[in-house]
Amino acid sequence: MRSRPSAASRLSPASRLSPAARLRLAAVSAVALAVTQVPHASAHGSGGPWVAAWGASQVAGSEIPGNSCPAGKGLENQTVRNVLFVSAGGDRVRVRLANTFGTRPLDVDRVTVALQRSGAAALPGTVRTLTFDGRRGTTVQAGEDLFSDPLPMRVRALSSLLVSVHVDAATGPVTNHPFTAQGNHLASGDAAAATSGTRYSDTPCWMLVSGVDVRGSARTAGTVVTFGDSITDTASTTGNANQRYPDHLARRLQDRSGPTLSVVNAGLGGNRLIAERDGEPYYGPSGVSRVERDALGQSGVRAVILQEGINDIGFSASAEDIIAGYRTFIEKVHARGVPVYGGTLLPFRGSFVWTPERQATWTTVNDWIRHSGAFDGVVDFAAATASAGDPLTMDPAYDSGDGLHPNDAGTRAMADAVDLGMLLARPGRDDSPRT
């Protein structure tokens, strides 16, 4: 079962830090500060902090029923052109290549970045070749990621980049993000430097690229990571329109005056918080096992919003086990001195997932998120997306039609429910890349 994003939310009174939570975070932050003061050679460009302007959680290459992504078969003398909607702007850019789940070294011949004109076509004059330690080509070792050298390039917030990667030799299965709500592109041969999109055909997945960093403007204070399943990842939103809840959140942050944040989407369709999906690697590792890489591994991470658990309920996990998973997740994030905010699970009565027993689990879990005080704040997505007079059913105005996943209006309402002041209340933690 894939779970997709949900609609609106309101901030509950539990969103304010308790004195005990403040003390705990202060103590952890002191440890984190001692660590982050150690210099990192690639942590900065020519003078400003780096933030993650785009990111996507990665999975192993595999065949996906009903999905034409070639990641399971792999690539040979082909160029993938990824279309990436960036949440923040800056004057320098770097791209993170991903061989996270590869079983052998990945030889990359050429990587370019350009401003998108439309589809696979680049804005003329903007195609730039990236380098790696000064060289055009590079090798990414199995199980690793690799940042490019910083490239002077002005990037506008809320614009789309084309990041094209040409591989010559056969790759075998490639690390990818399978469910994107975004048309990407694939060409035979080396088309990385092409301005025109005529050589490209469509492909549904992002491949070989897991992140884009920008050296942020003075007002970009850090990165907020939105973490979850497909309710964060894509939902039932309009394709090629950037209507995911993190996209709407990025627009809200950019529209405000004063300090702001970049937004990274660490959602994975079908993902579960506490367990793997046996035989279905395209749903990714469990949330608690990927938090270090997908959330804390982002440049400039300042806060995490966790909204995950409905797939666990759909597989009849107990409330006790899900809550234990939340505690583990929170401990891992707090160990890095980063606050984590809990998002309540969306109403789902009437969906194919619903049973009376699962409803009882949902109620227990959401009550714990709201009232336990374990999170540093709460975003009550459930309250914001519920039907008037029925907190167990999604509002028809936000329902995509399956009673589980929100539509474009629902994801917008979801983003509107996040208290931006809550996200911006703490100093940044660590802007060093995790390579």
Protein backbone atom coordinates (compact mmCIF):
# COMPACT_ATOMS: atom_id res chain seq x y z
CA MET A 1 0.00 0.00 0.00
CA ARG A 2 1.28 3.43 -0.91
CA SER A 3 0.31 6.28 1.37
CA ARG A 4 0.17 9.75 -0.15
CA PRO A 5 0.21 13.27 1.38
CA SER A 6 -2.68 14.75 3.22
CA ALA A 7 -4.31 18.07 3.65
CA ALA A 8 -4.44 20.91 6.13
CA SER A 9 -3.49 21.10 9.73
CA ARG A 10 -3.65 23.38 12.71
CA LEU A 11 -1.12 23.89 15.42
CA SER A 12 -2.16 22.39 18.74
CA PRO A 13 -1.35 23.88 22.16
CA ALA A 14 1.20 21.09 22.55
CA SER A 15 3.32 22.83 19.91
CA ARG A 16 5.01 24.94 22.55
CA LEU A 17 8.14 23.55 24.13
CA SER A 18 7.87 22.47 27.72
CA PRO A 19 10.58 23.73 30.10
CA ALA A 20 11.95 20.18 30.32
CA ALA A 21 12.13 19.93 26.55
CA ARG A 22 13.95 23.26 26.35
CA LEU A 23 16.53 22.12 28.87
CA ARG A 24 17.03 18.84 27.07
CA LEU A 25 17.53 20.55 23.72
CA ALA A 26 19.89 23.11 25.22
CA ALA A 27 22.07 20.34 26.62
CA VAL A 28 22.10 18.42 23.37
CA SER A 29 22.76 21.59 21.37
CA ALA A 30 25.88 22.28 23.42
CA VAL A 31 27.25 18.90 22.39
CA ALA A 32 26.22 19.50 18.77
CA LEU A 33 27.93 22.90 18.75
CA ALA A 34 31.18 21.36 19.91
CA VAL A 35 30.98 18.91 17.02
CA THR A 36 29.95 21.39 14.34
CA GLN A 37 32.80 23.76 15.14
CA VAL A 38 35.20 21.21 13.65
CA PRO A 39 36.00 22.58 10.18
CA HIS A 40 34.71 20.75 7.09
CA ALA A 41 36.59 21.41 3.89
CA SER A 42 33.46 21.52 1.70
CA ALA A 43 31.00 22.96 4.20
CA HIS A 44 30.99 26.43 2.64
CA GLY A 45 31.35 28.03 -0.73
CA SER A 46 33.10 31.36 -0.95
CA GLY A 47 31.62 32.71 2.26
CA GLY A 48 28.05 31.65 3.06
CA PRO A 49 26.30 28.66 4.56
CA TRP A 50 24.97 25.92 2.33
CA VAL A 51 21.37 24.77 2.55
CA ALA A 52 19.61 21.86 0.87
CA ALA A 53 17.31 23.42 -1.74
CA TRP A 54 16.04 20.10 -3.08
CA GLY A 55 16.35 16.52 -1.96
CA ALA A 56 14.69 13.17 -2.44
CA SER A 57 14.94 10.00 -0.37
CA GLN A 58 16.50 7.17 -2.29
CA VAL A 59 15.70 3.48 -2.81
CA ALA A 60 17.42 0.54 -4.47
CA GLY A 61 16.92 0.04 -8.18
CA SER A 62 14.30 -2.63 -8.84
CA GLU A 63 11.44 -3.48 -11.14
CA ILE A 64 8.24 -1.74 -10.01
CA PRO A 65 4.84 -3.10 -11.07
CA GLY A 66 3.12 -0.56 -13.30
CA ASN A 67 6.07 1.84 -13.24
CA SER A 68 8.27 2.35 -16.31
CA CYS A 69 11.31 3.63 -14.39
CA PRO A 70 14.38 1.79 -15.79
CA ALA A 71 16.29 1.93 -12.49
CA GLY A 72 15.96 -1.82 -11.96
CA LYS A 73 17.51 -2.61 -15.31
CA GLY A 74 20.01 0.21 -15.08
CA LEU A 75 21.49 2.56 -17.67
CA GLU A 76 24.13 2.20 -20.41
CA ASN A 77 25.33 5.10 -22.58
CA GLN A 78 22.28 7.12 -21.55
CA THR A 79 21.56 10.50 -20.02
CA VAL A 80 18.93 11.06 -17.37
CA ARG A 81 17.63 14.63 -17.12
CA ASN A 82 16.07 15.18 -13.69
CA VAL A 83 13.60 18.06 -13.21
CA LEU A 84 14.07 19.48 -9.71
CA PHE A 85 11.97 22.20 -8.03
CA VAL A 86 14.25 24.11 -5.66
CA SER A 87 12.87 25.65 -2.48
CA ALA A 88 15.59 28.27 -1.96
CA GLY A 89 17.88 30.41 -4.07
CA GLY A 90 21.52 31.37 -3.90
CA ASP A 91 24.63 32.35 -5.82
CA ARG A 92 26.34 28.96 -5.88
CA VAL A 93 25.05 25.46 -6.46
CA ARG A 94 26.34 21.93 -5.93
CA VAL A 95 24.74 18.61 -6.79
CA ARG A 96 24.87 15.37 -4.82
CA LEU A 97 25.19 12.21 -6.89
CA ALA A 98 23.77 9.05 -5.32
CA ASN A 99 25.06 5.50 -5.43
CA THR A 100 23.51 4.89 -2.03
CA PHE A 101 22.14 1.45 -2.81
CA GLY A 102 24.56 0.51 -5.58
CA THR A 103 26.52 -2.70 -5.29
CA ARG A 104 29.41 -1.57 -7.49
CA PRO A 105 31.18 1.71 -8.32
CA LEU A 106 29.22 4.11 -10.52
CA ASP A 107 31.26 5.75 -13.30
CA VAL A 108 29.79 9.12 -14.29
CA ASP A 109 30.94 10.71 -17.53
CA ARG A 110 29.31 14.15 -17.36
CA VAL A 111 26.89 16.10 -15.12
CA THR A 112 25.28 19.40 -16.07
CA VAL A 113 22.90 21.81 -14.38
CA ALA A 114 20.64 24.27 -16.17
CA LEU A 115 17.58 26.40 -15.65
CA GLN A 116 14.49 24.72 -17.05
CA ARG A 117 12.66 26.38 -19.92
CA SER A 118 9.93 23.76 -20.28
CA GLY A 119 9.86 19.96 -20.22
CA ALA A 120 13.34 18.67 -21.04
CA ALA A 121 14.40 21.95 -22.67
CA ALA A 122 16.88 24.22 -20.89
CA LEU A 123 16.82 27.99 -20.92
CA PRO A 124 19.38 28.91 -23.61
CA GLY A 125 22.77 29.91 -22.24
CA THR A 126 22.27 28.32 -18.82
CA VAL A 127 23.67 24.79 -19.29
CA ARG A 128 26.78 24.44 -17.11
CA THR A 129 29.06 21.44 -16.63
CA LEU A 130 29.79 20.43 -13.05
CA THR A 131 33.18 19.19 -11.90
CA PHE A 132 34.38 16.83 -9.19
CA ASP A 133 37.76 17.72 -7.74
CA GLY A 134 38.24 19.76 -10.90
CA ARG A 135 37.44 16.92 -13.30
CA ARG A 136 34.38 16.41 -15.50
CA GLY A 137 33.96 12.72 -14.82
CA THR A 138 33.95 10.93 -11.49
CA THR A 139 33.34 7.60 -9.79
CA VAL A 140 30.89 7.23 -6.91
CA GLN A 141 31.73 4.22 -4.79
CA ALA A 142 29.10 1.65 -3.90
CA GLY A 143 27.03 2.76 -0.94
CA GLU A 144 28.17 6.38 -1.13
CA ASP A 145 27.05 9.82 -2.25
CA LEU A 146 29.30 12.52 -3.70
CA PHE A 147 28.94 16.30 -3.95
CA SER A 148 30.12 18.17 -7.01
CA ASP A 149 32.45 21.13 -6.72
CA PRO A 150 30.57 24.39 -6.02
CA LEU A 151 29.52 26.17 -9.21
CA PRO A 152 28.95 29.95 -9.36
CA MET A 153 25.38 30.18 -10.61
CA ARG A 154 22.44 32.32 -9.58
CA VAL A 155 19.43 30.18 -8.74
CA ARG A 156 16.02 31.63 -7.89
CA ALA A 157 13.93 30.15 -5.13
CA LEU A 158 10.89 28.22 -6.38
CA SER A 159 12.40 27.64 -9.82
CA SER A 160 13.12 24.34 -11.57
CA LEU A 161 16.57 23.06 -12.49
CA LEU A 162 17.53 20.39 -14.98
CA VAL A 163 20.29 18.16 -13.62
CA SER A 164 21.52 15.81 -16.34
CA VAL A 165 23.78 12.82 -15.71
CA HIS A 166 25.42 10.83 -18.52
CA VAL A 167 26.76 7.36 -17.81
CA ASP A 168 28.66 5.46 -20.49
CA ALA A 169 29.33 2.00 -19.05
CA ALA A 170 26.47 -0.23 -17.90
CA THR A 171 25.48 0.67 -14.37
CA GLY A 172 23.39 -2.25 -13.18
CA PRO A 173 20.43 -1.28 -10.95
CA VAL A 174 20.66 2.39 -10.01
CA THR A 175 19.72 4.31 -6.87
CA ASN A 176 16.54 6.29 -7.54
CA HIS A 177 13.37 7.91 -6.25
CA PRO A 178 10.46 6.13 -7.97
CA PHE A 179 7.29 8.15 -7.29
CA THR A 180 7.78 11.81 -8.15
CA ALA A 181 4.61 13.50 -9.51
CA GLN A 182 7.14 14.91 -11.95
CA GLY A 183 8.00 14.02 -15.53
CA ASN A 184 11.72 13.44 -15.95
CA HIS A 185 13.61 12.59 -19.11
CA LEU A 186 15.95 10.00 -20.62
CA ALA A 187 18.07 10.10 -23.77
CA SER A 188 20.41 7.74 -25.60
CA GLY A 189 24.05 8.77 -25.63
CA ASP A 190 25.47 11.92 -24.08
CA ALA A 191 22.78 14.60 -24.14
CA ALA A 192 23.80 16.26 -20.89
CA ALA A 193 24.95 19.47 -22.59
CA ALA A 194 21.96 19.75 -24.92
CA THR A 195 19.77 22.84 -24.60
CA SER A 196 16.95 21.32 -26.63
CA GLY A 197 14.82 18.54 -25.18
CA THR A 198 14.16 16.84 -28.51
CA ARG A 199 16.47 13.88 -27.81
CA TYR A 200 14.71 13.05 -24.57
CA SER A 201 11.77 10.79 -23.82
CA ASP A 202 9.84 10.72 -20.55
CA THR A 203 10.64 8.67 -17.45
CA PRO A 204 8.75 8.86 -14.13
CA CYS A 205 11.62 8.65 -11.66
CA TRP A 206 14.57 10.68 -10.43
CA MET A 207 17.82 8.75 -10.89
CA LEU A 208 21.41 9.16 -9.69
CA VAL A 209 20.82 12.51 -7.96
CA SER A 210 19.73 12.83 -4.32
CA GLY A 211 20.23 16.50 -3.55
CA VAL A 212 20.87 20.05 -4.71
CA ASP A 213 22.45 22.55 -2.34
CA VAL A 214 22.65 26.29 -2.78
CA ARG A 215 24.77 28.77 -0.94
CA GLY A 216 21.81 30.58 0.51
CA SER A 217 21.06 34.24 0.64
CA ALA A 218 21.55 36.04 3.93
CA ARG A 219 17.93 35.49 4.88
CA THR A 220 17.98 31.68 4.48
CA ALA A 221 18.64 30.45 8.00
CA GLY A 222 18.72 26.71 7.34
CA THR A 223 16.75 23.71 6.12
CA VAL A 224 13.54 22.12 7.37
CA VAL A 225 13.13 18.46 6.42
CA THR A 226 9.60 17.15 5.89
CA PHE A 227 9.78 13.42 6.58
CA GLY A 228 7.18 10.77 5.86
CA ASP A 229 5.45 8.50 3.39
CA SER A 230 3.63 9.45 0.19
CA ILE A 231 1.48 11.92 2.09
CA THR A 232 4.68 13.94 2.17
CA ASP A 233 6.20 12.55 -1.03
CA THR A 234 3.59 13.18 -3.72
CA ALA A 235 0.00 12.60 -2.54
CA SER A 236 -2.64 12.61 -5.28
CA THR A 237 -1.40 15.95 -6.56
CA THR A 238 -1.31 17.32 -10.07
CA GLY A 239 1.78 16.15 -11.95
CA ASN A 240 4.44 18.66 -13.04
CA ALA A 241 2.80 21.37 -10.92
CA ASN A 242 4.70 21.16 -7.61
CA GLN A 243 1.62 20.80 -5.44
CA ARG A 244 3.12 18.60 -2.71
CA TYR A 245 2.72 19.85 0.85
CA PRO A 246 6.48 20.61 1.15
CA ASP A 247 6.21 22.68 -2.06
CA HIS A 248 3.39 24.75 -0.58
CA LEU A 249 5.38 25.10 2.64
CA ALA A 250 8.35 26.38 0.65
CA ARG A 251 6.12 29.00 -0.99
CA ARG A 252 4.86 30.17 2.41
CA LEU A 253 8.41 30.47 3.71
CA GLN A 254 9.60 32.39 0.65
CA ASP A 255 6.61 34.75 0.80
CA ARG A 256 7.35 35.85 4.35
CA SER A 257 9.60 38.79 5.15
CA GLY A 258 12.72 38.34 7.22
CA PRO A 259 14.56 35.05 7.85
CA THR A 260 13.34 31.99 6.00
CA LEU A 261 14.19 28.33 5.47
CA SER A 262 14.69 25.96 2.57
CA VAL A 263 12.53 22.82 2.48
CA VAL A 264 13.56 19.26 1.67
CA ASN A 265 11.01 16.54 0.91
CA ALA A 266 12.10 13.28 2.60
CA GLY A 267 8.88 11.45 1.82
CA LEU A 268 8.78 7.97 0.31
CA GLY A 269 5.59 6.54 -1.16
CA GLY A 270 4.54 3.38 0.65
CA ASN A 271 7.17 3.81 3.35
CA ARG A 272 6.62 2.52 6.88
CA LEU A 273 8.00 4.02 10.09
CA ILE A 274 9.04 0.84 11.87
CA ALA A 275 9.32 -1.97 9.31
CA GLU A 276 10.57 -2.74 5.82
CA ARG A 277 8.25 -3.76 2.99
CA ASP A 278 9.47 -7.29 2.32
CA GLY A 279 10.03 -7.92 -1.39
CA GLU A 280 9.20 -4.31 -2.27
CA PRO A 281 12.49 -2.39 -2.07
CA TYR A 282 11.00 0.55 -4.00
CA TYR A 283 9.18 1.57 -0.78
CA GLY A 284 12.53 2.07 0.92
CA PRO A 285 14.02 1.32 4.33
CA SER A 286 11.93 2.04 7.41
CA GLY A 287 11.66 5.61 8.63
CA VAL A 288 13.60 4.96 11.83
CA SER A 289 16.45 3.37 9.86
CA ARG A 290 16.77 6.15 7.26
CA VAL A 291 16.46 9.21 9.49
CA GLU A 292 20.22 9.80 9.76
CA ARG A 293 20.71 9.85 6.00
CA ASP A 294 17.45 11.35 4.74
CA ALA A 295 16.83 13.96 7.45
CA LEU A 296 20.03 14.63 9.38
CA GLY A 297 22.18 14.22 6.27
CA GLN A 298 20.75 17.37 4.68
CA SER A 299 22.92 20.47 4.56
CA GLY A 300 21.89 23.15 7.03
CA VAL A 301 19.29 20.97 8.76
CA ARG A 302 17.49 23.06 11.37
CA ALA A 303 14.22 21.22 11.99
CA VAL A 304 12.37 18.03 11.06
CA ILE A 305 8.61 17.55 10.65
CA LEU A 306 7.66 13.87 10.99
CA GLN A 307 4.34 12.69 9.53
CA GLU A 308 4.45 8.93 9.14
CA GLY A 309 2.65 5.87 10.46
CA ILE A 310 -0.50 5.33 8.40
CA ASN A 311 1.18 2.55 6.40
CA ASP A 312 2.19 0.87 9.65
CA ILE A 313 -1.44 1.02 10.76
CA GLY A 314 -2.44 -0.40 7.37
CA PHE A 315 -0.22 -3.40 8.12
CA SER A 316 -1.90 -3.71 11.55
CA ALA A 317 1.06 -2.52 13.64
CA SER A 318 0.11 -1.82 17.23
CA ALA A 319 -0.07 1.67 18.69
CA GLU A 320 2.61 0.67 21.20
CA ASP A 321 5.05 -0.33 18.45
CA ILE A 322 4.39 2.81 16.41
CA ILE A 323 4.90 5.02 19.47
CA ALA A 324 8.14 3.19 20.24
CA GLY A 325 9.20 4.01 16.69
CA TYR A 326 8.44 7.68 17.24
CA ARG A 327 10.53 7.66 20.42
CA THR A 328 13.47 6.13 18.57
CA PHE A 329 13.14 8.67 15.75
CA ILE A 330 12.98 11.58 18.22
CA GLU A 331 16.03 10.32 20.12
CA LYS A 332 18.08 10.14 16.93
CA VAL A 333 17.15 13.68 15.88
CA HIS A 334 17.65 15.12 19.36
CA ALA A 335 21.08 13.49 19.55
CA ARG A 336 22.10 15.90 16.80
CA GLY A 337 20.61 18.89 18.63
CA VAL A 338 17.80 19.30 16.09
CA PRO A 339 14.12 19.78 17.07
CA VAL A 340 11.52 17.42 15.64
CA TYR A 341 7.85 18.29 15.24
CA GLY A 342 5.16 15.62 15.14
CA GLY A 343 2.42 15.69 12.52
CA THR A 344 -0.79 13.87 13.40
CA LEU A 345 -2.01 11.19 10.99
CA LEU A 346 -4.77 12.18 8.58
CA PRO A 347 -8.35 10.93 8.92
CA PHE A 348 -8.86 7.74 6.92
CA ARG A 349 -12.30 6.32 7.68
CA GLY A 350 -13.90 5.27 4.41
CA SER A 351 -10.56 4.35 2.81
CA PHE A 352 -9.49 0.85 1.82
CA VAL A 353 -7.15 0.80 4.83
CA TRP A 354 -9.83 1.38 7.46
CA THR A 355 -11.06 -1.17 9.98
CA PRO A 356 -12.48 -0.53 13.47
CA GLU A 357 -9.30 -1.97 15.01
CA ARG A 358 -7.05 0.27 12.91
CA GLN A 359 -9.21 3.26 13.78
CA ALA A 360 -8.57 2.56 17.46
CA THR A 361 -4.82 2.45 16.78
CA TRP A 362 -5.02 5.77 14.88
CA THR A 363 -6.83 7.40 17.79
CA THR A 364 -4.26 6.21 20.33
CA VAL A 365 -1.33 7.30 18.16
CA ASN A 366 -2.73 10.76 17.46
CA ASP A 367 -3.58 11.31 21.11
CA TRP A 368 0.02 10.45 21.99
CA ILE A 369 1.44 12.81 19.35
CA ARG A 370 -0.74 15.66 20.63
CA HIS A 371 -0.35 15.19 24.37
CA SER A 372 2.79 13.20 25.25
CA GLY A 373 5.17 16.17 25.03
CA ALA A 374 7.76 13.91 23.35
CA PHE A 375 7.88 16.08 20.24
CA ASP A 376 9.15 19.65 20.36
CA GLY A 377 5.90 20.80 18.82
CA VAL A 378 2.84 19.42 17.05
CA VAL A 379 1.24 20.16 13.69
CA ASP A 380 -2.30 18.81 13.85
CA PHE A 381 -2.75 17.67 10.26
CA ALA A 382 -5.66 15.46 11.32
CA ALA A 383 -7.70 18.33 12.72
CA ALA A 384 -6.99 20.48 9.69
CA THR A 385 -8.08 17.89 7.12
CA ALA A 386 -11.11 16.43 8.91
CA SER A 387 -14.68 16.82 7.75
CA ALA A 388 -16.78 19.31 9.70
CA GLY A 389 -18.36 17.45 12.58
CA ASP A 390 -16.48 14.18 11.83
CA PRO A 391 -12.84 14.07 12.93
CA LEU A 392 -12.40 10.52 11.58
CA THR A 393 -13.15 11.30 7.92
CA MET A 394 -11.25 13.53 5.52
CA ASP A 395 -13.00 16.69 4.36
CA PRO A 396 -14.40 16.02 0.85
CA ALA A 397 -12.86 19.30 -0.32
CA TYR A 398 -9.42 17.86 0.45
CA ASP A 399 -10.04 14.21 -0.49
CA SER A 400 -8.49 12.92 -3.72
CA GLY A 401 -11.23 10.32 -3.86
CA ASP A 402 -9.85 7.39 -1.88
CA GLY A 403 -10.46 8.73 1.61
CA LEU A 404 -6.75 8.51 2.39
CA HIS A 405 -4.75 10.85 0.15
CA PRO A 406 -5.35 14.58 -0.20
CA ASN A 407 -5.65 16.51 -3.43
CA ASP A 408 -3.92 19.81 -4.28
CA ALA A 409 -6.20 21.78 -1.96
CA GLY A 410 -5.52 19.34 0.84
CA THR A 411 -1.75 19.57 0.57
CA ARG A 412 -2.02 23.36 0.49
CA ALA A 413 -4.11 23.33 3.65
CA MET A 414 -1.59 21.00 5.22
CA ALA A 415 1.23 23.45 4.57
CA ASP A 416 -0.89 26.35 5.81
CA ALA A 417 -1.26 24.61 9.17
CA VAL A 418 2.48 24.70 9.93
CA ASP A 419 3.50 27.47 12.35
CA LEU A 420 6.43 29.15 10.58
CA GLY A 421 7.44 30.91 13.77
CA MET A 422 7.84 27.52 15.44
CA LEU A 423 10.23 26.38 12.70
CA LEU A 424 12.26 29.59 12.83
CA ALA A 425 12.49 29.85 16.60
CA ARG A 426 15.82 28.05 16.96
CA PRO A 427 19.31 28.79 15.67
CA GLY A 428 20.67 26.62 12.86
CA ARG A 429 22.62 23.53 13.79
CA ASP A 430 24.97 22.18 11.14
CA ASP A 431 25.43 23.12 7.51
CA SER A 432 28.08 20.54 6.63
CA PRO A 433 27.21 18.05 3.86
CA ARG A 434 27.06 14.33 4.65
CA THR A 435 29.04 12.72 1.85
